[in-house]
Amino acid sequence: MTAVLSAASPIVKRELGGVLICNGVNATGSCEHVVSTLGECTDLTAPYLQNASTFAPDGEEFYCYPYLYPCDGICTSPEGCTYGPLSFNSTAKLDLTEGGWNNLIESFTCYPGPEQEVY
């Protein structure tokens, strides 16, 4: 019996800002993994524009704010225009149907660091 050694491929660390977006709850239906640039707004496109029941950031330390308007839009709602911060640890990330947010999200921005508290 002979042993065969081969050089291992280097492990490439994935970039911060990856979000799994799906039409269905619990990562079902049509899904896409989008990697956004941290601190920059990303517009959703069909079939996820106003149709995203799953919005699940990857496991690294960053969080995202989903918005009710496109990146070049202006918030005109007196109640605010974001769901609030979502991270890997957010319980709502796999089911945004509560409150109808699955039919509202048009864009999002992600930021590095631990999820921020909303007051």
C-alpha atoms as a PDB file:
ATOM      1  CA  MET A   1       0.000   0.000   0.000  1.00  0.00           C
ATOM      2  CA  THR A   2       1.386   3.408  -0.925  1.00  0.00           C
ATOM      3  CA  ALA A   3       0.414   6.791   0.427  1.00  0.00           C
ATOM      4  CA  VAL A   4      -0.299   9.607  -1.967  1.00  0.00           C
ATOM      5  CA  LEU A   5       0.235  13.172  -0.846  1.00  0.00           C
ATOM      6  CA  SER A   6      -1.138  16.160  -2.649  1.00  0.00           C
ATOM      7  CA  ALA A   7      -0.958  19.851  -1.946  1.00  0.00           C
ATOM      8  CA  ALA A   8      -4.114  21.135  -0.328  1.00  0.00           C
ATOM      9  CA  SER A   9      -5.914  24.021  -1.924  1.00  0.00           C
ATOM     10  CA  PRO A  10      -5.763  27.137   0.229  1.00  0.00           C
ATOM     11  CA  ILE A  11      -8.964  27.954   2.064  1.00  0.00           C
ATOM     12  CA  VAL A  12     -10.386  31.219   0.842  1.00  0.00           C
ATOM     13  CA  LYS A  13     -12.161  33.232   3.506  1.00  0.00           C
ATOM     14  CA  ARG A  14     -15.521  34.433   2.287  1.00  0.00           C
ATOM     15  CA  GLU A  15     -16.179  38.144   2.154  1.00  0.00           C
ATOM     16  CA  LEU A  16     -18.276  39.961   4.745  1.00  0.00           C
ATOM     17  CA  GLY A  17     -21.660  41.126   3.548  1.00  0.00           C
ATOM     18  CA  GLY A  18     -23.126  37.875   2.209  1.00  0.00           C
ATOM     19  CA  VAL A  19     -26.890  37.518   2.547  1.00  0.00           C
ATOM     20  CA  LEU A  20     -29.119  34.602   1.529  1.00  0.00           C
ATOM     21  CA  ILE A  21     -32.332  36.013   0.052  1.00  0.00           C
ATOM     22  CA  CYS A  22     -35.262  33.709  -0.770  1.00  0.00           C
ATOM     23  CA  ASN A  23     -38.894  34.128  -1.838  1.00  0.00           C
ATOM     24  CA  GLY A  24     -40.073  31.524   0.679  1.00  0.00           C
ATOM     25  CA  VAL A  25     -39.755  31.309   4.445  1.00  0.00           C
ATOM     26  CA  ASN A  26     -37.028  29.113   5.943  1.00  0.00           C
ATOM     27  CA  ALA A  27     -34.780  29.499   2.873  1.00  0.00           C
ATOM     28  CA  THR A  28     -37.263  27.937   0.434  1.00  0.00           C
ATOM     29  CA  GLY A  29     -38.397  28.895  -3.038  1.00  0.00           C
ATOM     30  CA  SER A  30     -36.108  30.805  -5.357  1.00  0.00           C
ATOM     31  CA  CYS A  31     -32.904  31.794  -3.494  1.00  0.00           C
ATOM     32  CA  GLU A  32     -29.784  33.832  -4.222  1.00  0.00           C
ATOM     33  CA  HIS A  33     -26.680  34.521  -2.139  1.00  0.00           C
ATOM     34  CA  VAL A  34     -25.805  38.206  -2.574  1.00  0.00           C
ATOM     35  CA  VAL A  35     -22.493  39.669  -1.375  1.00  0.00           C
ATOM     36  CA  SER A  36     -22.848  43.405  -0.841  1.00  0.00           C
ATOM     37  CA  THR A  37     -20.105  45.939  -0.215  1.00  0.00           C
ATOM     38  CA  LEU A  38     -20.265  46.935   3.461  1.00  0.00           C
ATOM     39  CA  GLY A  39     -21.544  50.472   3.953  1.00  0.00           C
ATOM     40  CA  GLU A  40     -23.032  50.676   0.441  1.00  0.00           C
ATOM     41  CA  CYS A  41     -26.695  50.280  -0.416  1.00  0.00           C
ATOM     42  CA  THR A  42     -27.734  47.314  -2.576  1.00  0.00           C
ATOM     43  CA  ASP A  43     -31.000  47.350  -4.550  1.00  0.00           C
ATOM     44  CA  LEU A  44     -32.999  44.132  -4.752  1.00  0.00           C
ATOM     45  CA  THR A  45     -34.043  43.022  -8.224  1.00  0.00           C
ATOM     46  CA  ALA A  46     -36.659  40.564  -9.477  1.00  0.00           C
ATOM     47  CA  PRO A  47     -37.660  38.058  -8.281  1.00  0.00           C
ATOM     48  CA  TYR A  48     -36.718  39.343  -4.788  1.00  0.00           C
ATOM     49  CA  LEU A  49     -37.825  42.986  -5.051  1.00  0.00           C
ATOM     50  CA  GLN A  50     -40.714  43.297  -2.564  1.00  0.00           C
ATOM     51  CA  ASN A  51     -40.757  39.480  -2.460  1.00  0.00           C
ATOM     52  CA  ALA A  52     -38.183  38.281   0.095  1.00  0.00           C
ATOM     53  CA  SER A  53     -39.443  36.107   2.954  1.00  0.00           C
ATOM     54  CA  THR A  54     -35.922  34.998   3.933  1.00  0.00           C
ATOM     55  CA  PHE A  55     -33.194  37.604   4.510  1.00  0.00           C
ATOM     56  CA  ALA A  56     -30.380  35.713   6.240  1.00  0.00           C
ATOM     57  CA  PRO A  57     -26.959  37.348   6.693  1.00  0.00           C
ATOM     58  CA  ASP A  58     -23.963  34.986   6.798  1.00  0.00           C
ATOM     59  CA  GLY A  59     -22.323  33.983  10.094  1.00  0.00           C
ATOM     60  CA  GLU A  60     -19.571  36.595  10.201  1.00  0.00           C
ATOM     61  CA  GLU A  61     -19.826  39.662  12.447  1.00  0.00           C
ATOM     62  CA  PHE A  62     -21.897  42.149  10.444  1.00  0.00           C
ATOM     63  CA  TYR A  63     -25.529  43.261  10.289  1.00  0.00           C
ATOM     64  CA  CYS A  64     -27.863  44.662   7.623  1.00  0.00           C
ATOM     65  CA  TYR A  65     -30.718  47.143   7.488  1.00  0.00           C
ATOM     66  CA  PRO A  66     -33.429  46.225   4.941  1.00  0.00           C
ATOM     67  CA  TYR A  67     -35.232  49.320   3.555  1.00  0.00           C
ATOM     68  CA  LEU A  68     -38.687  50.092   2.124  1.00  0.00           C
ATOM     69  CA  TYR A  69     -37.251  52.205  -0.688  1.00  0.00           C
ATOM     70  CA  PRO A  70     -34.591  51.896  -3.408  1.00  0.00           C
ATOM     71  CA  CYS A  71     -31.014  53.020  -2.778  1.00  0.00           C
ATOM     72  CA  ASP A  72     -31.574  56.413  -4.394  1.00  0.00           C
ATOM     73  CA  GLY A  73     -34.946  56.876  -2.657  1.00  0.00           C
ATOM     74  CA  ILE A  74     -36.007  58.957   0.315  1.00  0.00           C
ATOM     75  CA  CYS A  75     -37.835  57.673   3.384  1.00  0.00           C
ATOM     76  CA  THR A  76     -41.164  59.472   3.763  1.00  0.00           C
ATOM     77  CA  SER A  77     -42.777  57.250   6.400  1.00  0.00           C
ATOM     78  CA  PRO A  78     -43.255  58.791   9.866  1.00  0.00           C
ATOM     79  CA  GLU A  79     -42.773  55.286  11.343  1.00  0.00           C
ATOM     80  CA  GLY A  80     -39.396  54.782   9.679  1.00  0.00           C
ATOM     81  CA  CYS A  81     -38.351  52.848   6.605  1.00  0.00           C
ATOM     82  CA  THR A  82     -36.306  49.933   7.907  1.00  0.00           C
ATOM     83  CA  TYR A  83     -37.056  46.626   9.558  1.00  0.00           C
ATOM     84  CA  GLY A  84     -34.159  47.290  11.897  1.00  0.00           C
ATOM     85  CA  PRO A  85     -30.847  45.453  12.023  1.00  0.00           C
ATOM     86  CA  LEU A  86     -30.717  41.806  10.954  1.00  0.00           C
ATOM     87  CA  SER A  87     -27.701  39.558  11.538  1.00  0.00           C
ATOM     88  CA  PHE A  88     -26.895  35.855  11.531  1.00  0.00           C
ATOM     89  CA  ASN A  89     -28.256  35.710  15.099  1.00  0.00           C
ATOM     90  CA  SER A  90     -31.596  37.392  14.299  1.00  0.00           C
ATOM     91  CA  THR A  91     -34.545  35.087  14.860  1.00  0.00           C
ATOM     92  CA  ALA A  92     -36.666  36.776  12.150  1.00  0.00           C
ATOM     93  CA  LYS A  93     -34.141  36.273   9.333  1.00  0.00           C
ATOM     94  CA  LEU A  94     -35.846  33.125   8.013  1.00  0.00           C
ATOM     95  CA  ASP A  95     -39.423  34.459   8.136  1.00  0.00           C
ATOM     96  CA  LEU A  96     -40.121  38.109   7.308  1.00  0.00           C
ATOM     97  CA  THR A  97     -43.833  37.489   6.693  1.00  0.00           C
ATOM     98  CA  GLU A  98     -44.608  38.799  10.186  1.00  0.00           C
ATOM     99  CA  GLY A  99     -45.812  42.347   9.595  1.00  0.00           C
ATOM    100  CA  GLY A 100     -45.683  41.905   5.822  1.00  0.00           C
ATOM    101  CA  TRP A 101     -41.997  42.784   5.453  1.00  0.00           C
ATOM    102  CA  ASN A 102     -41.601  40.050   2.855  1.00  0.00           C
ATOM    103  CA  ASN A 103     -43.591  42.285   0.477  1.00  0.00           C
ATOM    104  CA  LEU A 104     -41.800  45.534   1.327  1.00  0.00           C
ATOM    105  CA  ILE A 105     -38.001  45.272   1.065  1.00  0.00           C
ATOM    106  CA  GLU A 106     -36.493  47.124  -1.897  1.00  0.00           C
ATOM    107  CA  SER A 107     -32.880  47.594  -0.763  1.00  0.00           C
ATOM    108  CA  PHE A 108     -30.455  46.975   2.100  1.00  0.00           C
ATOM    109  CA  THR A 109     -27.156  48.170   3.557  1.00  0.00           C
ATOM    110  CA  CYS A 110     -24.792  46.020   5.651  1.00  0.00           C
ATOM    111  CA  TYR A 111     -22.241  47.229   8.210  1.00  0.00           C
ATOM    112  CA  PRO A 112     -19.286  45.535   9.946  1.00  0.00           C
ATOM    113  CA  GLY A 113     -19.384  44.727  13.639  1.00  0.00           C
ATOM    114  CA  PRO A 114     -21.914  43.311  16.096  1.00  0.00           C
ATOM    115  CA  GLU A 115     -25.616  43.939  15.540  1.00  0.00           C
ATOM    116  CA  GLN A 116     -26.609  47.368  16.813  1.00  0.00           C
ATOM    117  CA  GLU A 117     -29.485  47.903  19.226  1.00  0.00           C
ATOM    118  CA  VAL A 118     -32.440  49.932  17.965  1.00  0.00           C
ATOM    119  CA  TYR A 119     -33.997  52.285  20.512  1.00  0.00           C
END
